[in-house]
Amino acid sequence: MDDMKSGFIDDINMILATDFYQLTMCAAYYQYNLENGIEEKDDDLATFELFIRQFPKNRNYLIFAGLEQAIYYLLNARFTEKTIEFLRKKQVFRNIDSSFFEEYLPNFKFNLDVWAMKEGNFFFPNEPIIRIHGPMIHAQLAETFLLNVINFQTLIASKASRIKNIAPDKALLEFGTRRSHSPLAGVYAARASYIAGFNGTSNVIADMELGINSTGTMAHSFVQKFDNEIDSFNTFYNIYDENSILLIDTYDTEKGAQKCSKFGNKIKGVRIDSGDLIEHAKKVRKILDEVGCKKVIIVASSDLNEYKIKEIIDKNAPIDAFGIGTELATSSDDPTISGVYKLIEHNYKPKIKISEEKMTYPGIKQTFRIYDENRVFKEDLLALADEAPPSNSEPLLVPIMKNGKLIYKLPKIDDIQDYYLKNIKKLPNNYKQLEQINISSLKISKKLKELTDSLKKKFI
């Protein structure tokens, strides 16, 4: 038993939350530089760009999220004595000079320049959302963690944005922690959905640590505990009074609503979690209104997604708030996103990857967002970073870190949400349809095309 692992992951060792090949490459870079007298800070500098290759199913735009956690990692990740000794014992590193473990890793701190889009911004495939520049080892080692954080939060924020588009005037609550793929994923699903306009979450640690209001009602077990349904309602109301939202579908939804009507407008609301939500909501609203409970709101849950919510709204069901869980926290209609992290320059020489549909555009780039005369989105232009910006445009990548130090004031989460809510209005409504519309929203500059073609000829 003494040799068993605890199953507990210590955050101090999170620098090893990476793919093993990142570490073998980094050690190989170190050994190569050592044997060839190369100073990494001067002669082994790399630039990588993180971007999404293609849309998930039925998406017409994406929402960038996860930057804050990515930056926190780059500022704080270190190799501890434990992580170094663990790596040193791996047989694969037997030919790596001891100085890598005795001098380099103990003093390692990410020394990177970082540019990124603002969190909450909408974007399209093949647009760099983060650019990383610095020593090759540093830039390489950042890959896995950045992709993990950005891929997941961007996926969930994009899903939440679709739901917000359908129900802009409804209260939207993220209820997905119990179905998310880990406790931490539940926290970040709450964060990403909040960025995209949600009003709150069921996740309590997201409230304490991130400031996202946590909210909830009761489970069916609370009702079942009592011999009579009304006793459960009375008990809950006596404790939580005007904050009470009572779950009415444990036995019979309409009868549950009738029992709740005794509280008048003193309770906050009732929740329906099963059955035909549209028909139940209409009947419950009628029952409540007939006895003057017009201020009591109706909350609906039960495997909701953007399509079901659209049907509910289109059929004028009187539902005031939606709790969305599994479908949101897992983006279950398409639960992956094709985020990649590619080398686009080494020692200031542009680099290209050519392999069928996975070609990358070389060189350091900037995305310029072009607006029409009303400041409505027109198109994005992917260009080399030193090109002159088009008229009526703005660059999307802004400097975040310089030489490993933060030079940008990371906004509070409420400010990120405010930015999202204002910025998404610049995106035309046809992009916000639930079906894919296949609009070509990204143009490539002539100069970037010429560079790409010249490098393709060199290698093909």
Protein backbone atom coordinates (compact mmCIF):
# COMPACT_ATOMS: atom_id res chain seq x y z
CA MET A 1 0.00 0.00 0.00
CA ASP A 2 2.88 2.36 0.74
CA ASP A 3 3.96 2.26 -2.91
CA MET A 4 0.54 3.18 -4.26
CA LYS A 5 0.08 6.59 -5.83
CA SER A 6 -2.32 8.91 -4.02
CA GLY A 7 -4.28 9.84 -7.15
CA PHE A 8 -3.79 13.50 -6.21
CA ILE A 9 -2.27 15.86 -8.78
CA ASP A 10 -0.17 18.62 -7.23
CA ASP A 11 -0.53 21.91 -9.13
CA ILE A 12 3.12 22.70 -8.48
CA ASN A 13 4.03 19.96 -10.95
CA MET A 14 1.71 21.16 -13.72
CA ILE A 15 4.63 21.95 -16.00
CA LEU A 16 4.56 18.21 -16.73
CA ALA A 17 0.93 18.41 -17.86
CA THR A 18 2.29 18.10 -21.36
CA ASP A 19 2.99 15.53 -24.06
CA PHE A 20 6.15 13.55 -23.45
CA TYR A 21 7.50 14.38 -26.89
CA GLN A 22 7.66 18.03 -25.92
CA LEU A 23 10.25 17.10 -23.30
CA THR A 24 12.24 14.81 -25.59
CA MET A 25 12.36 17.57 -28.22
CA CYS A 26 13.38 20.18 -25.65
CA ALA A 27 16.17 17.98 -24.31
CA ALA A 28 17.32 17.28 -27.88
CA TYR A 29 17.35 21.01 -28.67
CA TYR A 30 19.43 21.60 -25.54
CA GLN A 31 21.91 18.84 -26.38
CA TYR A 32 22.26 20.01 -29.98
CA ASN A 33 22.86 23.62 -28.92
CA LEU A 34 25.38 22.53 -26.26
CA GLU A 35 27.38 20.43 -28.71
CA ASN A 36 27.36 23.14 -31.38
CA GLY A 37 28.04 26.17 -29.20
CA ILE A 38 24.63 27.77 -29.90
CA GLU A 39 23.23 30.33 -27.48
CA GLU A 40 19.48 29.80 -27.44
CA LYS A 41 18.64 33.41 -26.54
CA ASP A 42 20.42 34.64 -29.66
CA ASP A 43 20.57 31.82 -32.21
CA ASP A 44 17.68 29.46 -31.52
CA LEU A 45 14.59 31.64 -31.60
CA ALA A 46 11.23 30.40 -32.74
CA THR A 47 7.80 31.79 -33.46
CA PHE A 48 4.68 29.65 -33.22
CA GLU A 49 1.07 30.48 -33.97
CA LEU A 50 -1.97 28.82 -32.45
CA PHE A 51 -5.03 28.66 -34.69
CA ILE A 52 -8.10 26.54 -35.43
CA ARG A 53 -8.00 24.58 -38.69
CA GLN A 54 -11.73 24.26 -39.28
CA PHE A 55 -15.13 24.89 -37.72
CA PRO A 56 -16.87 22.32 -35.56
CA LYS A 57 -20.16 21.16 -37.05
CA ASN A 58 -22.70 23.87 -37.93
CA ARG A 59 -20.54 26.74 -36.64
CA ASN A 60 -20.03 29.97 -38.59
CA TYR A 61 -17.71 31.71 -36.13
CA LEU A 62 -15.79 30.92 -32.93
CA ILE A 63 -15.32 32.77 -29.64
CA PHE A 64 -11.81 33.03 -28.20
CA ALA A 65 -11.52 32.02 -24.53
CA GLY A 66 -8.87 30.69 -22.16
CA LEU A 67 -6.18 33.36 -22.46
CA GLU A 68 -6.04 34.17 -18.75
CA GLN A 69 -5.28 30.57 -17.75
CA ALA A 70 -2.71 30.25 -20.54
CA ILE A 71 -0.89 33.37 -19.37
CA TYR A 72 -0.98 32.26 -15.74
CA TYR A 73 0.77 29.05 -16.77
CA LEU A 74 3.45 30.89 -18.76
CA LEU A 75 4.12 33.20 -15.82
CA ASN A 76 4.23 30.58 -13.09
CA ALA A 77 5.14 27.10 -14.40
CA ARG A 78 8.45 25.81 -13.01
CA PHE A 79 10.40 22.56 -12.84
CA THR A 80 10.53 21.43 -9.22
CA GLU A 81 13.15 19.16 -7.72
CA LYS A 82 10.62 16.34 -7.89
CA THR A 83 9.83 16.85 -11.59
CA ILE A 84 13.50 17.13 -12.50
CA GLU A 85 14.45 13.93 -10.67
CA PHE A 86 11.51 12.15 -12.27
CA LEU A 87 12.69 13.12 -15.76
CA ARG A 88 16.32 12.41 -15.02
CA LYS A 89 15.47 8.78 -14.21
CA LYS A 90 13.76 8.23 -17.57
CA GLN A 91 15.98 5.94 -19.60
CA VAL A 92 15.35 7.89 -22.81
CA PHE A 93 17.34 10.85 -21.44
CA ARG A 94 20.52 8.86 -20.75
CA ASN A 95 22.49 10.73 -23.44
CA ILE A 96 21.44 14.22 -22.31
CA ASP A 97 24.20 16.20 -20.60
CA SER A 98 23.77 16.42 -16.83
CA SER A 99 23.77 20.22 -17.00
CA PHE A 100 20.26 20.05 -18.48
CA PHE A 101 19.01 18.62 -15.18
CA GLU A 102 21.42 20.37 -12.83
CA GLU A 103 21.48 23.89 -14.29
CA TYR A 104 18.95 24.45 -17.07
CA LEU A 105 15.74 23.00 -15.69
CA PRO A 106 16.14 24.29 -12.10
CA ASN A 107 16.41 27.84 -13.47
CA PHE A 108 13.82 27.48 -16.20
CA LYS A 109 11.19 30.20 -16.53
CA PHE A 110 9.24 30.87 -19.71
CA ASN A 111 10.93 33.81 -21.45
CA LEU A 112 8.44 34.48 -24.21
CA ASP A 113 6.81 37.28 -26.14
CA VAL A 114 3.08 36.68 -26.50
CA TRP A 115 0.50 38.30 -28.74
CA ALA A 116 -3.13 37.27 -28.59
CA MET A 117 -6.66 38.22 -29.52
CA LYS A 118 -8.80 39.67 -26.78
CA GLU A 119 -10.86 37.08 -24.97
CA GLY A 120 -14.46 37.16 -26.09
CA ASN A 121 -13.60 38.14 -29.67
CA PHE A 122 -15.13 36.24 -32.57
CA PHE A 123 -12.79 34.74 -35.14
CA PHE A 124 -12.54 32.22 -37.97
CA PRO A 125 -10.40 29.20 -38.95
CA ASN A 126 -6.75 29.78 -39.92
CA GLU A 127 -6.54 33.07 -38.04
CA PRO A 128 -3.77 33.10 -35.41
CA ILE A 129 -5.35 33.63 -32.01
CA ILE A 130 -2.07 33.42 -30.10
CA ARG A 131 1.47 34.05 -31.33
CA ILE A 132 4.46 32.92 -29.24
CA HIS A 133 8.06 34.05 -29.79
CA GLY A 134 11.18 33.17 -27.85
CA PRO A 135 13.84 30.51 -27.34
CA MET A 136 12.90 27.30 -29.13
CA ILE A 137 12.75 25.20 -25.97
CA HIS A 138 10.46 27.72 -24.27
CA ALA A 139 8.17 28.12 -27.24
CA GLN A 140 7.99 24.36 -27.86
CA LEU A 141 7.23 23.46 -24.26
CA ALA A 142 4.25 25.84 -24.15
CA GLU A 143 2.37 23.96 -26.88
CA THR A 144 0.38 21.26 -25.11
CA PHE A 145 -0.89 23.30 -22.18
CA LEU A 146 -1.89 26.23 -24.39
CA LEU A 147 -3.75 23.98 -26.80
CA ASN A 148 -5.54 22.19 -23.98
CA VAL A 149 -6.77 25.38 -22.31
CA ILE A 150 -7.59 27.34 -25.47
CA ASN A 151 -9.21 24.46 -27.36
CA PHE A 152 -11.60 23.60 -24.55
CA GLN A 153 -12.66 27.06 -23.46
CA THR A 154 -13.00 28.27 -27.04
CA LEU A 155 -15.16 25.24 -27.86
CA ILE A 156 -17.50 25.88 -24.92
CA ALA A 157 -17.63 29.66 -25.38
CA SER A 158 -18.56 29.15 -29.03
CA LYS A 159 -21.33 26.74 -28.05
CA ALA A 160 -22.60 29.14 -25.38
CA SER A 161 -22.63 31.98 -27.91
CA ARG A 162 -24.98 29.97 -30.15
CA ILE A 163 -27.36 29.51 -27.24
CA LYS A 164 -27.15 33.18 -26.29
CA ASN A 165 -28.00 34.17 -29.86
CA ILE A 166 -31.19 32.11 -29.68
CA ALA A 167 -32.26 33.39 -26.26
CA PRO A 168 -30.78 36.89 -25.83
CA ASP A 169 -33.46 38.03 -23.39
CA LYS A 170 -33.63 34.90 -21.22
CA ALA A 171 -31.63 34.06 -18.11
CA LEU A 172 -29.08 31.40 -19.08
CA LEU A 173 -27.46 29.20 -16.44
CA GLU A 174 -24.62 26.75 -16.95
CA PHE A 175 -25.51 23.47 -15.17
CA GLY A 176 -22.93 21.09 -16.66
CA THR A 177 -20.37 20.27 -13.96
CA ARG A 178 -21.70 16.77 -13.20
CA ARG A 179 -21.45 15.83 -16.89
CA SER A 180 -18.21 17.63 -17.71
CA HIS A 181 -15.11 15.55 -18.34
CA SER A 182 -13.41 16.48 -15.07
CA PRO A 183 -14.02 18.79 -12.11
CA LEU A 184 -11.63 21.35 -13.61
CA ALA A 185 -13.41 21.13 -16.95
CA GLY A 186 -16.59 22.00 -15.09
CA VAL A 187 -15.00 25.17 -13.73
CA TYR A 188 -13.70 26.24 -17.13
CA ALA A 189 -17.01 25.43 -18.81
CA ALA A 190 -18.61 27.86 -16.36
CA ARG A 191 -15.97 30.48 -17.22
CA ALA A 192 -16.24 30.06 -20.98
CA SER A 193 -20.04 30.17 -21.01
CA TYR A 194 -20.05 33.25 -18.79
CA ILE A 195 -17.73 35.04 -21.21
CA ALA A 196 -20.27 34.32 -23.97
CA GLY A 197 -23.12 35.97 -22.09
CA PHE A 198 -24.46 33.42 -19.63
CA ASN A 199 -25.82 34.75 -16.36
CA GLY A 200 -24.53 32.20 -13.88
CA THR A 201 -23.47 28.66 -13.10
CA SER A 202 -24.22 25.80 -10.74
CA ASN A 203 -20.47 25.45 -10.07
CA VAL A 204 -19.61 26.86 -6.65
CA ILE A 205 -15.83 27.02 -7.03
CA ALA A 206 -16.32 29.05 -10.21
CA ASP A 207 -18.14 31.54 -8.01
CA MET A 208 -15.52 31.64 -5.26
CA GLU A 209 -12.45 31.65 -7.51
CA LEU A 210 -13.70 33.40 -10.67
CA GLY A 211 -16.59 35.54 -9.43
CA ILE A 212 -19.30 33.89 -11.55
CA ASN A 213 -22.53 33.87 -9.58
CA SER A 214 -23.52 30.35 -8.53
CA THR A 215 -27.16 29.47 -8.33
CA GLY A 216 -29.40 26.44 -7.96
CA THR A 217 -32.74 25.08 -6.85
CA MET A 218 -33.22 21.61 -5.38
CA ALA A 219 -32.94 18.02 -6.55
CA HIS A 220 -35.74 15.48 -6.80
CA SER A 221 -34.21 13.74 -3.79
CA PHE A 222 -35.15 16.71 -1.60
CA VAL A 223 -38.78 16.28 -2.59
CA GLN A 224 -38.66 12.49 -2.25
CA LYS A 225 -37.26 12.66 1.28
CA PHE A 226 -40.61 13.90 2.58
CA ASP A 227 -43.75 11.80 2.73
CA ASN A 228 -45.72 14.62 1.12
CA GLU A 229 -44.55 16.88 -1.70
CA ILE A 230 -45.99 19.97 -0.05
CA ASP A 231 -43.90 19.29 3.07
CA SER A 232 -40.73 19.57 0.97
CA PHE A 233 -41.94 22.87 -0.46
CA ASN A 234 -42.85 24.22 2.97
CA THR A 235 -39.49 23.23 4.43
CA PHE A 236 -37.53 24.80 1.60
CA TYR A 237 -39.59 27.98 1.67
CA ASN A 238 -39.29 28.34 5.45
CA ILE A 239 -35.52 28.33 5.08
CA TYR A 240 -34.98 30.23 1.81
CA ASP A 241 -38.18 32.34 1.59
CA GLU A 242 -38.05 34.72 -1.39
CA ASN A 243 -35.00 32.93 -2.83
CA SER A 244 -36.95 29.68 -3.21
CA ILE A 245 -37.18 28.02 -6.62
CA LEU A 246 -39.23 24.85 -6.16
CA LEU A 247 -38.87 21.73 -8.30
CA ILE A 248 -42.38 20.72 -9.35
CA ASP A 249 -42.03 17.70 -11.67
CA THR A 250 -41.11 14.91 -9.22
CA TYR A 251 -44.60 13.40 -9.39
CA ASP A 252 -47.05 15.53 -11.38
CA THR A 253 -45.92 18.87 -12.79
CA GLU A 254 -49.27 20.63 -12.84
CA LYS A 255 -50.23 19.42 -9.37
CA GLY A 256 -46.83 20.57 -8.15
CA ALA A 257 -47.54 24.01 -9.59
CA GLN A 258 -50.90 24.13 -7.83
CA LYS A 259 -49.23 23.32 -4.51
CA CYS A 260 -46.63 26.05 -5.07
CA SER A 261 -49.33 28.62 -5.77
CA LYS A 262 -50.09 28.76 -2.03
CA PHE A 263 -46.90 30.80 -1.58
CA GLY A 264 -48.17 33.51 -3.93
CA ASN A 265 -45.44 35.79 -5.24
CA LYS A 266 -43.29 35.17 -2.17
CA ILE A 267 -41.23 32.51 -3.95
CA LYS A 268 -38.84 33.30 -6.77
CA GLY A 269 -39.83 30.56 -9.16
CA VAL A 270 -40.56 26.95 -10.07
CA ARG A 271 -38.44 24.54 -12.09
CA ILE A 272 -39.50 21.91 -14.62
CA ASP A 273 -36.95 19.22 -15.41
CA SER A 274 -38.78 16.61 -17.50
CA GLY A 275 -41.50 15.92 -20.02
CA ASP A 276 -42.84 18.20 -22.70
CA LEU A 277 -41.41 21.48 -21.46
CA ILE A 278 -43.49 23.56 -23.85
CA GLU A 279 -46.85 22.13 -22.81
CA HIS A 280 -45.95 21.93 -19.14
CA ALA A 281 -44.75 25.53 -19.10
CA LYS A 282 -47.96 26.81 -20.69
CA LYS A 283 -50.13 24.90 -18.20
CA VAL A 284 -48.00 25.91 -15.22
CA ARG A 285 -48.05 29.56 -16.25
CA LYS A 286 -51.84 29.46 -16.47
CA ILE A 287 -52.13 27.81 -13.05
CA LEU A 288 -49.87 30.41 -11.45
CA ASP A 289 -51.43 33.40 -13.19
CA GLU A 290 -54.96 32.41 -12.28
CA VAL A 291 -54.14 32.79 -8.59
CA GLY A 292 -52.10 35.97 -9.05
CA CYS A 293 -48.59 34.46 -9.05
CA LYS A 294 -47.49 36.46 -12.07
CA LYS A 295 -44.07 37.31 -10.61
CA VAL A 296 -43.12 33.67 -10.12
CA ILE A 297 -40.70 32.70 -12.90
CA ILE A 298 -40.51 29.35 -14.67
CA VAL A 299 -37.07 27.73 -14.99
CA ALA A 300 -36.57 24.84 -17.41
CA SER A 301 -33.81 22.26 -17.59
CA SER A 302 -33.64 18.68 -19.00
CA ASP A 303 -30.94 18.12 -21.68
CA LEU A 304 -31.44 21.50 -23.33
CA ASN A 305 -29.47 22.76 -26.30
CA GLU A 306 -29.78 25.61 -28.80
CA TYR A 307 -32.21 23.68 -31.03
CA LYS A 308 -34.58 22.76 -28.22
CA ILE A 309 -34.46 26.29 -26.82
CA LYS A 310 -35.24 27.72 -30.25
CA GLU A 311 -38.29 25.46 -30.51
CA ILE A 312 -39.42 26.51 -27.03
CA ILE A 313 -39.12 30.19 -27.91
CA ASP A 314 -40.68 29.79 -31.37
CA LYS A 315 -43.72 28.14 -29.76
CA ASN A 316 -44.04 30.95 -27.21
CA ALA A 317 -43.60 28.75 -24.17
CA PRO A 318 -43.56 31.05 -21.10
CA ILE A 319 -40.15 29.97 -19.80
CA ASP A 320 -38.03 32.71 -18.21
CA ALA A 321 -34.74 30.92 -17.55
CA PHE A 322 -32.89 27.92 -18.94
CA GLY A 323 -30.43 25.65 -17.17
CA ILE A 324 -28.16 24.05 -19.77
CA GLY A 325 -25.88 21.22 -18.67
CA THR A 326 -24.54 18.29 -20.66
CA GLU A 327 -25.04 19.74 -24.13
CA LEU A 328 -23.10 22.88 -23.18
CA ALA A 329 -20.31 21.61 -20.92
CA THR A 330 -19.37 18.90 -23.43
CA SER A 331 -20.43 20.66 -26.66
CA SER A 332 -22.03 17.31 -27.34
CA ASP A 333 -23.07 17.96 -30.95
CA ASP A 334 -19.37 18.32 -31.81
CA PRO A 335 -17.13 17.90 -28.75
CA THR A 336 -13.74 18.60 -30.34
CA ILE A 337 -12.05 21.52 -31.98
CA SER A 338 -9.08 21.37 -34.36
CA GLY A 339 -6.73 23.80 -32.64
CA VAL A 340 -3.08 23.48 -33.67
CA TYR A 341 0.22 25.15 -32.77
CA LYS A 342 2.67 25.50 -35.63
CA LEU A 343 6.19 26.79 -36.15
CA ILE A 344 6.02 29.65 -38.63
CA GLU A 345 9.49 31.19 -38.20
CA HIS A 346 12.89 30.13 -36.87
CA ASN A 347 15.72 32.60 -36.38
CA TYR A 348 13.60 35.09 -38.33
CA LYS A 349 13.35 32.80 -41.35
CA PRO A 350 9.77 31.91 -42.36
CA LYS A 351 8.86 28.23 -42.09
CA ILE A 352 6.09 26.28 -43.81
CA LYS A 353 4.42 22.89 -43.31
CA ILE A 354 3.15 21.23 -46.47
CA SER A 355 1.10 18.04 -46.19
CA GLU A 356 -2.08 17.88 -48.24
CA GLU A 357 -4.91 19.69 -46.38
CA LYS A 358 -2.65 20.58 -43.41
CA MET A 359 -0.56 23.30 -45.02
CA THR A 360 0.27 26.28 -42.82
CA TYR A 361 0.88 29.87 -43.86
CA PRO A 362 4.50 30.86 -43.12
CA GLY A 363 5.89 33.97 -41.49
CA ILE A 364 4.77 36.21 -38.64
CA LYS A 365 1.23 37.29 -39.38
CA GLN A 366 -1.47 39.66 -38.22
CA THR A 367 -5.21 39.47 -38.77
CA PHE A 368 -6.80 42.75 -39.73
CA ARG A 369 -10.52 43.04 -39.12
CA ILE A 370 -12.19 45.19 -41.77
CA TYR A 371 -15.48 46.97 -41.07
CA ASP A 372 -18.02 48.66 -43.29
CA GLU A 373 -19.04 52.29 -42.89
CA ASN A 374 -21.35 51.33 -40.00
CA ARG A 375 -18.59 49.50 -38.07
CA VAL A 376 -20.18 46.17 -38.90
CA PHE A 377 -17.87 43.25 -39.66
CA LYS A 378 -17.07 42.92 -43.34
CA GLU A 379 -14.15 40.47 -43.55
CA ASP A 380 -10.80 39.56 -42.03
CA LEU A 381 -7.49 39.85 -43.85
CA LEU A 382 -4.61 37.56 -42.92
CA ALA A 383 -1.39 39.36 -43.78
CA LEU A 384 2.26 39.47 -42.81
CA ALA A 385 2.69 41.47 -39.63
CA ASP A 386 4.76 44.19 -41.29
CA GLU A 387 2.14 44.95 -43.96
CA ALA A 388 0.23 48.21 -43.82
CA PRO A 389 -3.24 47.77 -42.33
CA PRO A 390 -6.21 48.17 -44.69
CA SER A 391 -8.44 51.18 -44.28
CA ASN A 392 -11.21 50.96 -41.68
CA SER A 393 -9.56 48.00 -39.97
CA GLU A 394 -8.03 46.99 -36.65
CA PRO A 395 -5.35 44.42 -35.82
CA LEU A 396 -6.68 41.52 -33.74
CA LEU A 397 -3.44 40.37 -32.11
CA VAL A 398 -2.23 42.62 -29.29
CA PRO A 399 0.96 42.29 -27.17
CA ILE A 400 0.39 40.44 -23.89
CA MET A 401 3.86 39.43 -22.65
CA LYS A 402 7.37 40.66 -23.39
CA ASN A 403 10.49 38.69 -22.38
CA GLY A 404 8.39 36.57 -20.04
CA LYS A 405 6.76 39.50 -18.26
CA LEU A 406 3.13 40.58 -18.43
CA ILE A 407 2.73 43.93 -20.21
CA TYR A 408 -1.05 43.82 -20.69
CA LYS A 409 -3.67 44.35 -18.02
CA LEU A 410 -5.74 41.19 -18.09
CA PRO A 411 -9.40 42.22 -17.78
CA LYS A 412 -11.77 40.96 -15.10
CA ILE A 413 -14.25 38.38 -16.25
CA ASP A 414 -17.18 40.82 -16.17
CA ASP A 415 -15.21 43.12 -18.46
CA ILE A 416 -14.52 40.21 -20.83
CA GLN A 417 -18.23 39.47 -20.94
CA ASP A 418 -19.03 43.13 -21.58
CA TYR A 419 -16.53 43.13 -24.45
CA TYR A 420 -18.10 40.00 -25.90
CA LEU A 421 -21.64 41.37 -25.68
CA LYS A 422 -20.68 44.61 -27.42
CA ASN A 423 -18.38 43.04 -29.98
CA ILE A 424 -20.73 40.26 -31.08
CA LYS A 425 -23.18 42.93 -32.24
CA LYS A 426 -20.68 43.78 -34.97
CA LEU A 427 -21.11 40.31 -36.46
CA PRO A 428 -23.94 40.20 -39.03
CA ASN A 429 -26.92 38.04 -38.12
CA ASN A 430 -26.43 35.57 -40.96
CA TYR A 431 -23.36 34.24 -39.14
CA LYS A 432 -25.55 33.51 -36.11
CA GLN A 433 -27.76 30.95 -37.81
CA LEU A 434 -27.74 27.43 -36.38
CA GLU A 435 -26.86 25.91 -39.75
CA GLN A 436 -23.52 26.29 -41.50
CA ILE A 437 -23.61 28.97 -44.21
CA ASN A 438 -20.09 28.56 -45.65
CA ILE A 439 -19.24 32.23 -45.95
CA SER A 440 -15.61 32.90 -46.88
CA SER A 441 -14.78 35.44 -44.19
CA LEU A 442 -10.97 35.33 -44.33
CA LYS A 443 -8.92 36.76 -47.18
CA ILE A 444 -5.18 36.23 -47.67
CA SER A 445 -2.97 39.18 -48.59
CA LYS A 446 -1.04 39.18 -51.85
CA LYS A 447 2.29 39.39 -50.03
CA LEU A 448 1.47 36.39 -47.84
CA LYS A 449 0.36 34.39 -50.88
CA GLU A 450 3.62 35.16 -52.64
CA LEU A 451 5.68 34.07 -49.62
CA THR A 452 3.65 30.88 -49.30
CA ASP A 453 4.02 30.04 -52.98
CA SER A 454 7.76 30.66 -52.95
CA LEU A 455 8.31 28.30 -50.02
CA LYS A 456 6.04 25.64 -51.53
CA LYS A 457 8.13 25.67 -54.72
CA LYS A 458 11.26 25.24 -52.62
CA PHE A 459 10.05 22.03 -50.99
CA ILE A 460 7.87 20.48 -53.68
